[in-house]
Amino acid sequence: MSLDNNENHDFEGSKFREEVYSKSVRAGKRTYFFDVKSTRNDELYLTITESKKRNGYDGNISYEKHKIFLYKEDFEKFAKGLNAIVDYINERQPIADSAEYRDEELPEYSDIEFDDLSK
């Protein structure tokens, strides 16, 4: 079995195509990557990756990464759950009014790649 040039191996050795769309968000020491990908059957799905910078005892820097795969049939339930929990937290602990939390004052980081984080 051969692979097209547009395909790579991803989750559990299954074949997936290259990313269709990508957005990254820096949040303190973490960076979140939202990547839309396509299966070989042209079905779109979302991967959400959290990358956190770690400083080792030996002085080396590494990145701890956690990935969630979210499929189209689960988008609505996921969004409802996320919105409900965010509303719950915001009602009980409002965000402080500081520049760090105001979106309009944060720079856009849409072209960040995992490889860029290790530089």
PDB file of N, CA and C in Angstrom:
ATOM      1  N   MET A   1       0.853  -1.175   0.000  1.00  0.00           N
ATOM      2  CA  MET A   1       0.000   0.000   0.000  1.00  0.00           C
ATOM      3  C   MET A   1       0.896   1.234   0.000  1.00  0.00           C
ATOM      4  N   SER A   2       0.676   2.141  -0.934  1.00  0.00           N
ATOM      5  CA  SER A   2       1.487   3.356  -1.001  1.00  0.00           C
ATOM      6  C   SER A   2       0.677   4.547  -0.519  1.00  0.00           C
ATOM      7  N   LEU A   3       1.385   5.564  -0.077  1.00  0.00           N
ATOM      8  CA  LEU A   3       0.750   6.788   0.406  1.00  0.00           C
ATOM      9  C   LEU A   3       0.859   7.873  -0.646  1.00  0.00           C
ATOM     10  N   ASP A   4      -0.197   8.688  -0.763  1.00  0.00           N
ATOM     11  CA  ASP A   4      -0.102   9.881  -1.589  1.00  0.00           C
ATOM     12  C   ASP A   4       0.870  10.835  -0.935  1.00  0.00           C
ATOM     13  N   ASN A   5       1.409  11.770  -1.689  1.00  0.00           N
ATOM     14  CA  ASN A   5       2.301  12.779  -1.123  1.00  0.00           C
ATOM     15  C   ASN A   5       1.595  13.661  -0.107  1.00  0.00           C
ATOM     16  N   ASN A   6       0.267  13.771  -0.178  1.00  0.00           N
ATOM     17  CA  ASN A   6      -0.489  14.615   0.735  1.00  0.00           C
ATOM     18  C   ASN A   6      -0.863  13.929   2.030  1.00  0.00           C
ATOM     19  N   GLU A   7      -0.454  12.685   2.212  1.00  0.00           N
ATOM     20  CA  GLU A   7      -0.857  11.961   3.404  1.00  0.00           C
ATOM     21  C   GLU A   7       0.320  11.740   4.339  1.00  0.00           C
ATOM     22  N   ASN A   8       0.006  11.607   5.621  1.00  0.00           N
ATOM     23  CA  ASN A   8       1.014  11.270   6.612  1.00  0.00           C
ATOM     24  C   ASN A   8       0.397  10.312   7.610  1.00  0.00           C
ATOM     25  N   HIS A   9       1.218   9.746   8.473  1.00  0.00           N
ATOM     26  CA  HIS A   9       0.704   8.856   9.509  1.00  0.00           C
ATOM     27  C   HIS A   9       0.461   9.662  10.757  1.00  0.00           C
ATOM     28  N   ASP A  10      -0.650   9.369  11.421  1.00  0.00           N
ATOM     29  CA  ASP A  10      -1.016  10.100  12.625  1.00  0.00           C
ATOM     30  C   ASP A  10      -1.507   9.102  13.643  1.00  0.00           C
ATOM     31  N   PHE A  11      -2.521   9.422  14.354  1.00  0.00           N
ATOM     32  CA  PHE A  11      -3.081   8.665  15.466  1.00  0.00           C
ATOM     33  C   PHE A  11      -3.159   7.165  15.188  1.00  0.00           C
ATOM     34  N   GLU A  12      -2.472   6.379  15.991  1.00  0.00           N
ATOM     35  CA  GLU A  12      -2.476   4.924  15.950  1.00  0.00           C
ATOM     36  C   GLU A  12      -2.197   4.368  14.557  1.00  0.00           C
ATOM     37  N   GLY A  13      -1.335   5.004  13.804  1.00  0.00           N
ATOM     38  CA  GLY A  13      -0.919   4.488  12.511  1.00  0.00           C
ATOM     39  C   GLY A  13      -1.932   4.645  11.392  1.00  0.00           C
ATOM     40  N   SER A  14      -3.087   5.225  11.644  1.00  0.00           N
ATOM     41  CA  SER A  14      -4.081   5.423  10.597  1.00  0.00           C
ATOM     42  C   SER A  14      -3.593   6.479   9.618  1.00  0.00           C
ATOM     43  N   LYS A  15      -4.105   6.420   8.394  1.00  0.00           N
ATOM     44  CA  LYS A  15      -3.705   7.412   7.402  1.00  0.00           C
ATOM     45  C   LYS A  15      -4.612   8.629   7.469  1.00  0.00           C
ATOM     46  N   PHE A  16      -4.006   9.804   7.536  1.00  0.00           N
ATOM     47  CA  PHE A  16      -4.725  11.066   7.525  1.00  0.00           C
ATOM     48  C   PHE A  16      -4.027  11.982   6.544  1.00  0.00           C
ATOM     49  N   ARG A  17      -4.770  12.916   5.984  1.00  0.00           N
ATOM     50  CA  ARG A  17      -4.177  13.888   5.065  1.00  0.00           C
ATOM     51  C   ARG A  17      -3.626  15.069   5.834  1.00  0.00           C
ATOM     52  N   GLU A  18      -2.960  15.916   5.102  1.00  0.00           N
ATOM     53  CA  GLU A  18      -2.384  17.120   5.694  1.00  0.00           C
ATOM     54  C   GLU A  18      -3.472  18.001   6.293  1.00  0.00           C
ATOM     55  N   GLU A  19      -3.046  18.939   7.120  1.00  0.00           N
ATOM     56  CA  GLU A  19      -3.973  19.860   7.749  1.00  0.00           C
ATOM     57  C   GLU A  19      -4.687  20.709   6.706  1.00  0.00           C
ATOM     58  N   VAL A  20      -5.957  20.969   6.954  1.00  0.00           N
ATOM     59  CA  VAL A  20      -6.783  21.783   6.073  1.00  0.00           C
ATOM     60  C   VAL A  20      -6.736  23.234   6.531  1.00  0.00           C
ATOM     61  N   TYR A  21      -6.773  23.435   7.847  1.00  0.00           N
ATOM     62  CA  TYR A  21      -6.766  24.776   8.432  1.00  0.00           C
ATOM     63  C   TYR A  21      -6.178  24.667   9.828  1.00  0.00           C
ATOM     64  N   SER A  22      -5.472  25.709  10.248  1.00  0.00           N
ATOM     65  CA  SER A  22      -4.832  25.665  11.556  1.00  0.00           C
ATOM     66  C   SER A  22      -4.878  27.029  12.224  1.00  0.00           C
ATOM     67  N   LYS A  23      -5.043  27.017  13.535  1.00  0.00           N
ATOM     68  CA  LYS A  23      -5.068  28.247  14.336  1.00  0.00           C
ATOM     69  C   LYS A  23      -4.355  27.935  15.640  1.00  0.00           C
ATOM     70  N   SER A  24      -3.505  28.841  16.081  1.00  0.00           N
ATOM     71  CA  SER A  24      -2.821  28.638  17.357  1.00  0.00           C
ATOM     72  C   SER A  24      -3.074  29.830  18.265  1.00  0.00           C
ATOM     73  N   VAL A  25      -3.070  29.550  19.565  1.00  0.00           N
ATOM     74  CA  VAL A  25      -3.332  30.572  20.568  1.00  0.00           C
ATOM     75  C   VAL A  25      -2.314  30.412  21.678  1.00  0.00           C
ATOM     76  N   ARG A  26      -1.548  31.474  21.944  1.00  0.00           N
ATOM     77  CA  ARG A  26      -0.629  31.462  23.079  1.00  0.00           C
ATOM     78  C   ARG A  26      -1.369  31.940  24.306  1.00  0.00           C
ATOM     79  N   ALA A  27      -1.186  31.221  25.409  1.00  0.00           N
ATOM     80  CA  ALA A  27      -1.843  31.567  26.660  1.00  0.00           C
ATOM     81  C   ALA A  27      -0.848  31.306  27.791  1.00  0.00           C
ATOM     82  N   GLY A  28      -0.097  32.325  28.146  1.00  0.00           N
ATOM     83  CA  GLY A  28       0.914  32.159  29.187  1.00  0.00           C
ATOM     84  C   GLY A  28       1.999  31.212  28.732  1.00  0.00           C
ATOM     85  N   LYS A  29       2.266  30.173  29.528  1.00  0.00           N
ATOM     86  CA  LYS A  29       3.309  29.193  29.194  1.00  0.00           C
ATOM     87  C   LYS A  29       2.806  28.101  28.262  1.00  0.00           C
ATOM     88  N   ARG A  30       1.555  28.174  27.898  1.00  0.00           N
ATOM     89  CA  ARG A  30       0.969  27.153  27.034  1.00  0.00           C
ATOM     90  C   ARG A  30       0.645  27.729  25.663  1.00  0.00           C
ATOM     91  N   THR A  31       0.647  26.852  24.677  1.00  0.00           N
ATOM     92  CA  THR A  31       0.166  27.195  23.348  1.00  0.00           C
ATOM     93  C   THR A  31      -0.848  26.135  22.964  1.00  0.00           C
ATOM     94  N   TYR A  32      -1.990  26.580  22.450  1.00  0.00           N
ATOM     95  CA  TYR A  32      -3.038  25.664  22.009  1.00  0.00           C
ATOM     96  C   TYR A  32      -3.087  25.705  20.488  1.00  0.00           C
ATOM     97  N   PHE A  33      -3.089  24.536  19.873  1.00  0.00           N
ATOM     98  CA  PHE A  33      -3.166  24.406  18.427  1.00  0.00           C
ATOM     99  C   PHE A  33      -4.516  23.783  18.071  1.00  0.00           C
ATOM    100  N   PHE A  34      -5.281  24.451  17.212  1.00  0.00           N
ATOM    101  CA  PHE A  34      -6.546  23.944  16.718  1.00  0.00           C
ATOM    102  C   PHE A  34      -6.322  23.623  15.242  1.00  0.00           C
ATOM    103  N   ASP A  35      -6.329  22.355  14.903  1.00  0.00           N
ATOM    104  CA  ASP A  35      -6.022  21.919  13.545  1.00  0.00           C
ATOM    105  C   ASP A  35      -7.183  21.149  12.943  1.00  0.00           C
ATOM    106  N   VAL A  36      -7.652  21.609  11.782  1.00  0.00           N
ATOM    107  CA  VAL A  36      -8.660  20.879  11.027  1.00  0.00           C
ATOM    108  C   VAL A  36      -7.910  19.984  10.057  1.00  0.00           C
ATOM    109  N   LYS A  37      -8.253  18.707  10.094  1.00  0.00           N
ATOM    110  CA  LYS A  37      -7.620  17.733   9.208  1.00  0.00           C
ATOM    111  C   LYS A  37      -8.703  16.974   8.463  1.00  0.00           C
ATOM    112  N   SER A  38      -8.279  16.235   7.459  1.00  0.00           N
ATOM    113  CA  SER A  38      -9.202  15.472   6.638  1.00  0.00           C
ATOM    114  C   SER A  38      -8.759  14.014   6.614  1.00  0.00           C
ATOM    115  N   THR A  39      -9.719  13.097   6.755  1.00  0.00           N
ATOM    116  CA  THR A  39      -9.404  11.671   6.624  1.00  0.00           C
ATOM    117  C   THR A  39      -9.251  11.350   5.150  1.00  0.00           C
ATOM    118  N   ARG A  40      -8.840  10.158   4.862  1.00  0.00           N
ATOM    119  CA  ARG A  40      -8.700   9.772   3.454  1.00  0.00           C
ATOM    120  C   ARG A  40     -10.050   9.725   2.751  1.00  0.00           C
ATOM    121  N   ASN A  41     -11.144   9.711   3.529  1.00  0.00           N
ATOM    122  CA  ASN A  41     -12.496   9.775   2.963  1.00  0.00           C
ATOM    123  C   ASN A  41     -13.021  11.196   2.897  1.00  0.00           C
ATOM    124  N   ASP A  42     -12.133  12.160   3.065  1.00  0.00           N
ATOM    125  CA  ASP A  42     -12.461  13.592   3.019  1.00  0.00           C
ATOM    126  C   ASP A  42     -13.431  14.030   4.111  1.00  0.00           C
ATOM    127  N   GLU A  43     -13.419  13.353   5.262  1.00  0.00           N
ATOM    128  CA  GLU A  43     -14.216  13.781   6.402  1.00  0.00           C
ATOM    129  C   GLU A  43     -13.332  14.640   7.304  1.00  0.00           C
ATOM    130  N   LEU A  44     -13.831  15.824   7.641  1.00  0.00           N
ATOM    131  CA  LEU A  44     -13.054  16.746   8.466  1.00  0.00           C
ATOM    132  C   LEU A  44     -13.199  16.420   9.941  1.00  0.00           C
ATOM    133  N   TYR A  45     -12.123  16.634  10.680  1.00  0.00           N
ATOM    134  CA  TYR A  45     -12.146  16.479  12.123  1.00  0.00           C
ATOM    135  C   TYR A  45     -11.191  17.500  12.717  1.00  0.00           C
ATOM    136  N   LEU A  46     -11.256  17.673  14.025  1.00  0.00           N
ATOM    137  CA  LEU A  46     -10.471  18.677  14.720  1.00  0.00           C
ATOM    138  C   LEU A  46      -9.511  18.001  15.688  1.00  0.00           C
ATOM    139  N   THR A  47      -8.288  18.485  15.726  1.00  0.00           N
ATOM    140  CA  THR A  47      -7.377  18.092  16.797  1.00  0.00           C
ATOM    141  C   THR A  47      -7.073  19.347  17.604  1.00  0.00           C
ATOM    142  N   ILE A  48      -7.099  19.204  18.915  1.00  0.00           N
ATOM    143  CA  ILE A  48      -6.747  20.284  19.825  1.00  0.00           C
ATOM    144  C   ILE A  48      -5.512  19.805  20.570  1.00  0.00           C
ATOM    145  N   THR A  49      -4.429  20.558  20.454  1.00  0.00           N
ATOM    146  CA  THR A  49      -3.180  20.176  21.099  1.00  0.00           C
ATOM    147  C   THR A  49      -2.761  21.264  22.062  1.00  0.00           C
ATOM    148  N   GLU A  50      -2.436  20.853  23.277  1.00  0.00           N
ATOM    149  CA  GLU A  50      -1.872  21.762  24.267  1.00  0.00           C
ATOM    150  C   GLU A  50      -0.386  21.471  24.314  1.00  0.00           C
ATOM    151  N   SER A  51       0.424  22.497  24.203  1.00  0.00           N
ATOM    152  CA  SER A  51       1.872  22.368  24.299  1.00  0.00           C
ATOM    153  C   SER A  51       2.349  23.255  25.438  1.00  0.00           C
ATOM    154  N   LYS A  52       3.082  22.656  26.366  1.00  0.00           N
ATOM    155  CA  LYS A  52       3.564  23.405  27.523  1.00  0.00           C
ATOM    156  C   LYS A  52       5.074  23.257  27.625  1.00  0.00           C
ATOM    157  N   LYS A  53       5.745  24.391  27.754  1.00  0.00           N
ATOM    158  CA  LYS A  53       7.195  24.421  27.842  1.00  0.00           C
ATOM    159  C   LYS A  53       7.642  23.896  29.206  1.00  0.00           C
ATOM    160  N   ARG A  54       8.624  23.001  29.196  1.00  0.00           N
ATOM    161  CA  ARG A  54       9.184  22.430  30.428  1.00  0.00           C
ATOM    162  C   ARG A  54      10.692  22.650  30.446  1.00  0.00           C
ATOM    163  N   ASN A  55      11.194  23.105  31.576  1.00  0.00           N
ATOM    164  CA  ASN A  55      12.639  23.246  31.761  1.00  0.00           C
ATOM    165  C   ASN A  55      13.132  22.064  32.579  1.00  0.00           C
ATOM    166  N   GLY A  56      14.031  21.280  32.006  1.00  0.00           N
ATOM    167  CA  GLY A  56      14.569  20.108  32.694  1.00  0.00           C
ATOM    168  C   GLY A  56      15.638  20.490  33.699  1.00  0.00           C
ATOM    169  N   TYR A  57      15.906  19.566  34.616  1.00  0.00           N
ATOM    170  CA  TYR A  57      16.950  19.794  35.626  1.00  0.00           C
ATOM    171  C   TYR A  57      18.323  19.980  34.985  1.00  0.00           C
ATOM    172  N   ASP A  58      18.504  19.395  33.803  1.00  0.00           N
ATOM    173  CA  ASP A  58      19.789  19.496  33.110  1.00  0.00           C
ATOM    174  C   ASP A  58      19.897  20.763  32.262  1.00  0.00           C
ATOM    175  N   GLY A  59      18.874  21.611  32.308  1.00  0.00           N
ATOM    176  CA  GLY A  59      18.890  22.863  31.556  1.00  0.00           C
ATOM    177  C   GLY A  59      18.278  22.755  30.180  1.00  0.00           C
ATOM    178  N   ASN A  60      17.942  21.541  29.753  1.00  0.00           N
ATOM    179  CA  ASN A  60      17.323  21.360  28.440  1.00  0.00           C
ATOM    180  C   ASN A  60      15.852  21.741  28.501  1.00  0.00           C
ATOM    181  N   ILE A  61      15.382  22.317  27.411  1.00  0.00           N
ATOM    182  CA  ILE A  61      13.982  22.707  27.295  1.00  0.00           C
ATOM    183  C   ILE A  61      13.256  21.642  26.477  1.00  0.00           C
ATOM    184  N   SER A  62      12.089  21.231  26.954  1.00  0.00           N
ATOM    185  CA  SER A  62      11.266  20.290  26.209  1.00  0.00           C
ATOM    186  C   SER A  62       9.828  20.801  26.226  1.00  0.00           C
ATOM    187  N   TYR A  63       8.998  20.168  25.422  1.00  0.00           N
ATOM    188  CA  TYR A  63       7.598  20.558  25.331  1.00  0.00           C
ATOM    189  C   TYR A  63       6.723  19.341  25.584  1.00  0.00           C
ATOM    190  N   GLU A  64       5.860  19.473  26.583  1.00  0.00           N
ATOM    191  CA  GLU A  64       4.899  18.426  26.897  1.00  0.00           C
ATOM    192  C   GLU A  64       3.653  18.700  26.068  1.00  0.00           C
ATOM    193  N   LYS A  65       3.185  17.688  25.346  1.00  0.00           N
ATOM    194  CA  LYS A  65       2.046  17.892  24.452  1.00  0.00           C
ATOM    195  C   LYS A  65       0.930  16.910  24.765  1.00  0.00           C
ATOM    196  N   HIS A  66      -0.288  17.410  24.747  1.00  0.00           N
ATOM    197  CA  HIS A  66      -1.482  16.597  24.927  1.00  0.00           C
ATOM    198  C   HIS A  66      -2.414  16.880  23.766  1.00  0.00           C
ATOM    199  N   LYS A  67      -2.989  15.832  23.199  1.00  0.00           N
ATOM    200  CA  LYS A  67      -3.810  15.999  21.999  1.00  0.00           C
ATOM    201  C   LYS A  67      -5.183  15.370  22.201  1.00  0.00           C
ATOM    202  N   ILE A  68      -6.207  16.084  21.715  1.00  0.00           N
ATOM    203  CA  ILE A  68      -7.588  15.601  21.708  1.00  0.00           C
ATOM    204  C   ILE A  68      -8.044  15.537  20.255  1.00  0.00           C
ATOM    205  N   PHE A  69      -8.662  14.435  19.881  1.00  0.00           N
ATOM    206  CA  PHE A  69      -9.265  14.298  18.565  1.00  0.00           C
ATOM    207  C   PHE A  69     -10.765  14.482  18.734  1.00  0.00           C
ATOM    208  N   LEU A  70     -11.344  15.395  17.956  1.00  0.00           N
ATOM    209  CA  LEU A  70     -12.768  15.687  18.072  1.00  0.00           C
ATOM    210  C   LEU A  70     -13.406  15.554  16.687  1.00  0.00           C
ATOM    211  N   TYR A  71     -14.381  14.681  16.603  1.00  0.00           N
ATOM    212  CA  TYR A  71     -15.021  14.398  15.323  1.00  0.00           C
ATOM    213  C   TYR A  71     -16.336  15.158  15.193  1.00  0.00           C
ATOM    214  N   LYS A  72     -16.717  15.403  13.944  1.00  0.00           N
ATOM    215  CA  LYS A  72     -17.846  16.267  13.614  1.00  0.00           C
ATOM    216  C   LYS A  72     -19.117  15.916  14.379  1.00  0.00           C
ATOM    217  N   GLU A  73     -19.394  14.642  14.549  1.00  0.00           N
ATOM    218  CA  GLU A  73     -20.629  14.247  15.231  1.00  0.00           C
ATOM    219  C   GLU A  73     -20.639  14.633  16.713  1.00  0.00           C
ATOM    220  N   ASP A  74     -19.464  14.994  17.253  1.00  0.00           N
ATOM    221  CA  ASP A  74     -19.362  15.371  18.664  1.00  0.00           C
ATOM    222  C   ASP A  74     -19.209  16.877  18.886  1.00  0.00           C
ATOM    223  N   PHE A  75     -19.096  17.671  17.824  1.00  0.00           N
ATOM    224  CA  PHE A  75     -18.855  19.110  17.962  1.00  0.00           C
ATOM    225  C   PHE A  75     -19.892  19.797  18.847  1.00  0.00           C
ATOM    226  N   GLU A  76     -21.175  19.568  18.576  1.00  0.00           N
ATOM    227  CA  GLU A  76     -22.231  20.276  19.299  1.00  0.00           C
ATOM    228  C   GLU A  76     -22.205  19.942  20.790  1.00  0.00           C
ATOM    229  N   LYS A  77     -22.082  18.663  21.124  1.00  0.00           N
ATOM    230  CA  LYS A  77     -22.046  18.266  22.535  1.00  0.00           C
ATOM    231  C   LYS A  77     -20.796  18.819  23.226  1.00  0.00           C
ATOM    232  N   PHE A  78     -19.674  18.777  22.544  1.00  0.00           N
ATOM    233  CA  PHE A  78     -18.427  19.303  23.101  1.00  0.00           C
ATOM    234  C   PHE A  78     -18.564  20.800  23.360  1.00  0.00           C
ATOM    235  N   ALA A  79     -19.079  21.540  22.371  1.00  0.00           N
ATOM    236  CA  ALA A  79     -19.238  22.994  22.504  1.00  0.00           C
ATOM    237  C   ALA A  79     -20.207  23.345  23.632  1.00  0.00           C
ATOM    238  N   LYS A  80     -21.317  22.611  23.750  1.00  0.00           N
ATOM    239  CA  LYS A  80     -22.269  22.856  24.830  1.00  0.00           C
ATOM    240  C   LYS A  80     -21.616  22.635  26.191  1.00  0.00           C
ATOM    241  N   GLY A  81     -20.888  21.537  26.320  1.00  0.00           N
ATOM    242  CA  GLY A  81     -20.209  21.241  27.581  1.00  0.00           C
ATOM    243  C   GLY A  81     -19.161  22.280  27.919  1.00  0.00           C
ATOM    244  N   LEU A  82     -18.371  22.686  26.935  1.00  0.00           N
ATOM    245  CA  LEU A  82     -17.332  23.692  27.153  1.00  0.00           C
ATOM    246  C   LEU A  82     -17.963  25.024  27.542  1.00  0.00           C
ATOM    247  N   ASN A  83     -18.988  25.456  26.809  1.00  0.00           N
ATOM    248  CA  ASN A  83     -19.661  26.725  27.121  1.00  0.00           C
ATOM    249  C   ASN A  83     -20.282  26.702  28.514  1.00  0.00           C
ATOM    250  N   ALA A  84     -20.889  25.585  28.886  1.00  0.00           N
ATOM    251  CA  ALA A  84     -21.520  25.480  30.202  1.00  0.00           C
ATOM    252  C   ALA A  84     -20.478  25.595  31.315  1.00  0.00           C
ATOM    253  N   ILE A  85     -19.347  24.960  31.153  1.00  0.00           N
ATOM    254  CA  ILE A  85     -18.322  24.992  32.200  1.00  0.00           C
ATOM    255  C   ILE A  85     -17.645  26.357  32.262  1.00  0.00           C
ATOM    256  N   VAL A  86     -17.441  27.002  31.125  1.00  0.00           N
ATOM    257  CA  VAL A  86     -16.868  28.347  31.103  1.00  0.00           C
ATOM    258  C   VAL A  86     -17.828  29.334  31.767  1.00  0.00           C
ATOM    259  N   ASP A  87     -19.117  29.229  31.457  1.00  0.00           N
ATOM    260  CA  ASP A  87     -20.117  30.092  32.105  1.00  0.00           C
ATOM    261  C   ASP A  87     -20.128  29.879  33.613  1.00  0.00           C
ATOM    262  N   TYR A  88     -20.068  28.635  34.046  1.00  0.00           N
ATOM    263  CA  TYR A  88     -20.054  28.301  35.470  1.00  0.00           C
ATOM    264  C   TYR A  88     -18.871  28.972  36.166  1.00  0.00           C
ATOM    265  N   ILE A  89     -17.699  28.843  35.574  1.00  0.00           N
ATOM    266  CA  ILE A  89     -16.491  29.432  36.174  1.00  0.00           C
ATOM    267  C   ILE A  89     -16.570  30.955  36.165  1.00  0.00           C
ATOM    268  N   ASN A  90     -16.989  31.548  35.057  1.00  0.00           N
ATOM    269  CA  ASN A  90     -17.070  33.008  34.963  1.00  0.00           C
ATOM    270  C   ASN A  90     -18.075  33.604  35.942  1.00  0.00           C
ATOM    271  N   GLU A  91     -19.162  32.905  36.217  1.00  0.00           N
ATOM    272  CA  GLU A  91     -20.147  33.386  37.189  1.00  0.00           C
ATOM    273  C   GLU A  91     -19.570  33.400  38.603  1.00  0.00           C
ATOM    274  N   ARG A  92     -18.732  32.427  38.905  1.00  0.00           N
ATOM    275  CA  ARG A  92     -18.195  32.292  40.262  1.00  0.00           C
ATOM    276  C   ARG A  92     -16.865  32.996  40.461  1.00  0.00           C
ATOM    277  N   GLN A  93     -16.140  33.208  39.362  1.00  0.00           N
ATOM    278  CA  GLN A  93     -14.828  33.834  39.463  1.00  0.00           C
ATOM    279  C   GLN A  93     -14.564  34.647  38.192  1.00  0.00           C
ATOM    280  N   PRO A  94     -15.109  35.855  38.130  1.00  0.00           N
ATOM    281  CA  PRO A  94     -14.941  36.684  36.930  1.00  0.00           C
ATOM    282  C   PRO A  94     -13.464  36.938  36.626  1.00  0.00           C
ATOM    283  N   ILE A  95     -13.172  37.101  35.363  1.00  0.00           N
ATOM    284  CA  ILE A  95     -11.804  37.392  34.928  1.00  0.00           C
ATOM    285  C   ILE A  95     -11.439  38.795  35.387  1.00  0.00           C
ATOM    286  N   ALA A  96     -10.234  38.933  35.932  1.00  0.00           N
ATOM    287  CA  ALA A  96      -9.745  40.246  36.368  1.00  0.00           C
ATOM    288  C   ALA A  96      -9.613  41.158  35.162  1.00  0.00           C
ATOM    289  N   ASP A  97      -9.837  42.442  35.379  1.00  0.00           N
ATOM    290  CA  ASP A  97      -9.744  43.417  34.297  1.00  0.00           C
ATOM    291  C   ASP A  97      -8.293  43.855  34.123  1.00  0.00           C
ATOM    292  N   SER A  98      -7.512  43.006  33.470  1.00  0.00           N
ATOM    293  CA  SER A  98      -6.118  43.356  33.214  1.00  0.00           C
ATOM    294  C   SER A  98      -5.815  43.135  31.741  1.00  0.00           C
ATOM    295  N   ALA A  99      -4.777  43.787  31.253  1.00  0.00           N
ATOM    296  CA  ALA A  99      -4.404  43.688  29.839  1.00  0.00           C
ATOM    297  C   ALA A  99      -4.097  42.254  29.448  1.00  0.00           C
ATOM    298  N   GLU A 100      -3.616  41.456  30.387  1.00  0.00           N
ATOM    299  CA  GLU A 100      -3.258  40.068  30.085  1.00  0.00           C
ATOM    300  C   GLU A 100      -4.462  39.271  29.600  1.00  0.00           C
ATOM    301  N   TYR A 101      -5.676  39.636  30.019  1.00  0.00           N
ATOM    302  CA  TYR A 101      -6.854  38.855  29.692  1.00  0.00           C
ATOM    303  C   TYR A 101      -7.739  39.482  28.624  1.00  0.00           C
ATOM    304  N   ARG A 102      -7.422  40.679  28.163  1.00  0.00           N
ATOM    305  CA  ARG A 102      -8.263  41.323  27.159  1.00  0.00           C
ATOM    306  C   ARG A 102      -7.797  40.947  25.766  1.00  0.00           C
ATOM    307  N   ASP A 103      -8.653  40.258  25.016  1.00  0.00           N
ATOM    308  CA  ASP A 103      -8.306  39.766  23.689  1.00  0.00           C
ATOM    309  C   ASP A 103      -7.848  40.873  22.750  1.00  0.00           C
ATOM    310  N   GLU A 104      -8.476  42.039  22.833  1.00  0.00           N
ATOM    311  CA  GLU A 104      -8.142  43.082  21.875  1.00  0.00           C
ATOM    312  C   GLU A 104      -6.707  43.585  22.034  1.00  0.00           C
ATOM    313  N   GLU A 105      -6.086  43.328  23.169  1.00  0.00           N
ATOM    314  CA  GLU A 105      -4.716  43.782  23.374  1.00  0.00           C
ATOM    315  C   GLU A 105      -3.686  42.680  23.191  1.00  0.00           C
ATOM    316  N   LEU A 106      -4.137  41.458  22.913  1.00  0.00           N
ATOM    317  CA  LEU A 106      -3.204  40.353  22.722  1.00  0.00           C
ATOM    318  C   LEU A 106      -2.833  40.234  21.252  1.00  0.00           C
ATOM    319  N   PRO A 107      -1.558  39.975  20.960  1.00  0.00           N
ATOM    320  CA  PRO A 107      -1.165  39.797  19.564  1.00  0.00           C
ATOM    321  C   PRO A 107      -1.682  38.465  19.015  1.00  0.00           C
ATOM    322  N   GLU A 108      -1.840  38.390  17.724  1.00  0.00           N
ATOM    323  CA  GLU A 108      -2.289  37.178  17.065  1.00  0.00           C
ATOM    324  C   GLU A 108      -1.088  36.270  16.814  1.00  0.00           C
ATOM    325  N   TYR A 109      -1.235  34.981  17.102  1.00  0.00           N
ATOM    326  CA  TYR A 109      -0.167  34.000  16.893  1.00  0.00           C
ATOM    327  C   TYR A 109      -0.698  32.858  16.049  1.00  0.00           C
ATOM    328  N   SER A 110      -1.005  33.114  14.813  1.00  0.00           N
ATOM    329  CA  SER A 110      -1.619  32.072  13.997  1.00  0.00           C
ATOM    330  C   SER A 110      -0.616  31.251  13.195  1.00  0.00           C
ATOM    331  N   ASP A 111       0.652  31.643  13.170  1.00  0.00           N
ATOM    332  CA  ASP A 111       1.625  30.924  12.362  1.00  0.00           C
ATOM    333  C   ASP A 111       2.656  30.180  13.204  1.00  0.00           C
ATOM    334  N   ILE A 112       2.281  29.723  14.387  1.00  0.00           N
ATOM    335  CA  ILE A 112       3.209  29.024  15.259  1.00  0.00           C
ATOM    336  C   ILE A 112       3.191  27.539  14.915  1.00  0.00           C
ATOM    337  N   GLU A 113       4.345  26.959  14.817  1.00  0.00           N
ATOM    338  CA  GLU A 113       4.482  25.522  14.595  1.00  0.00           C
ATOM    339  C   GLU A 113       5.173  24.922  15.807  1.00  0.00           C
ATOM    340  N   PHE A 114       4.966  23.612  16.024  1.00  0.00           N
ATOM    341  CA  PHE A 114       5.637  22.945  17.136  1.00  0.00           C
ATOM    342  C   PHE A 114       7.148  23.147  17.062  1.00  0.00           C
ATOM    343  N   ASP A 115       7.721  23.060  15.872  1.00  0.00           N
ATOM    344  CA  ASP A 115       9.164  23.214  15.720  1.00  0.00           C
ATOM    345  C   ASP A 115       9.637  24.592  16.142  1.00  0.00           C
ATOM    346  N   ASP A 116       8.787  25.624  15.965  1.00  0.00           N
ATOM    347  CA  ASP A 116       9.148  26.987  16.355  1.00  0.00           C
ATOM    348  C   ASP A 116       9.298  27.091  17.875  1.00  0.00           C
ATOM    349  N   LEU A 117       8.566  26.270  18.616  1.00  0.00           N
ATOM    350  CA  LEU A 117       8.598  26.362  20.071  1.00  0.00           C
ATOM    351  C   LEU A 117       9.926  25.913  20.667  1.00  0.00           C
ATOM    352  N   SER A 118      10.672  25.100  19.954  1.00  0.00           N
ATOM    353  CA  SER A 118      11.934  24.605  20.490  1.00  0.00           C
ATOM    354  C   SER A 118      13.105  25.511  20.160  1.00  0.00           C
ATOM    355  N   LYS A 119      12.864  26.598  19.449  1.00  0.00           N
ATOM    356  CA  LYS A 119      13.936  27.523  19.087  1.00  0.00           C
ATOM    357  C   LYS A 119      14.162  28.529  20.174  1.00  0.00           C
TER     358      LYS A 119
END
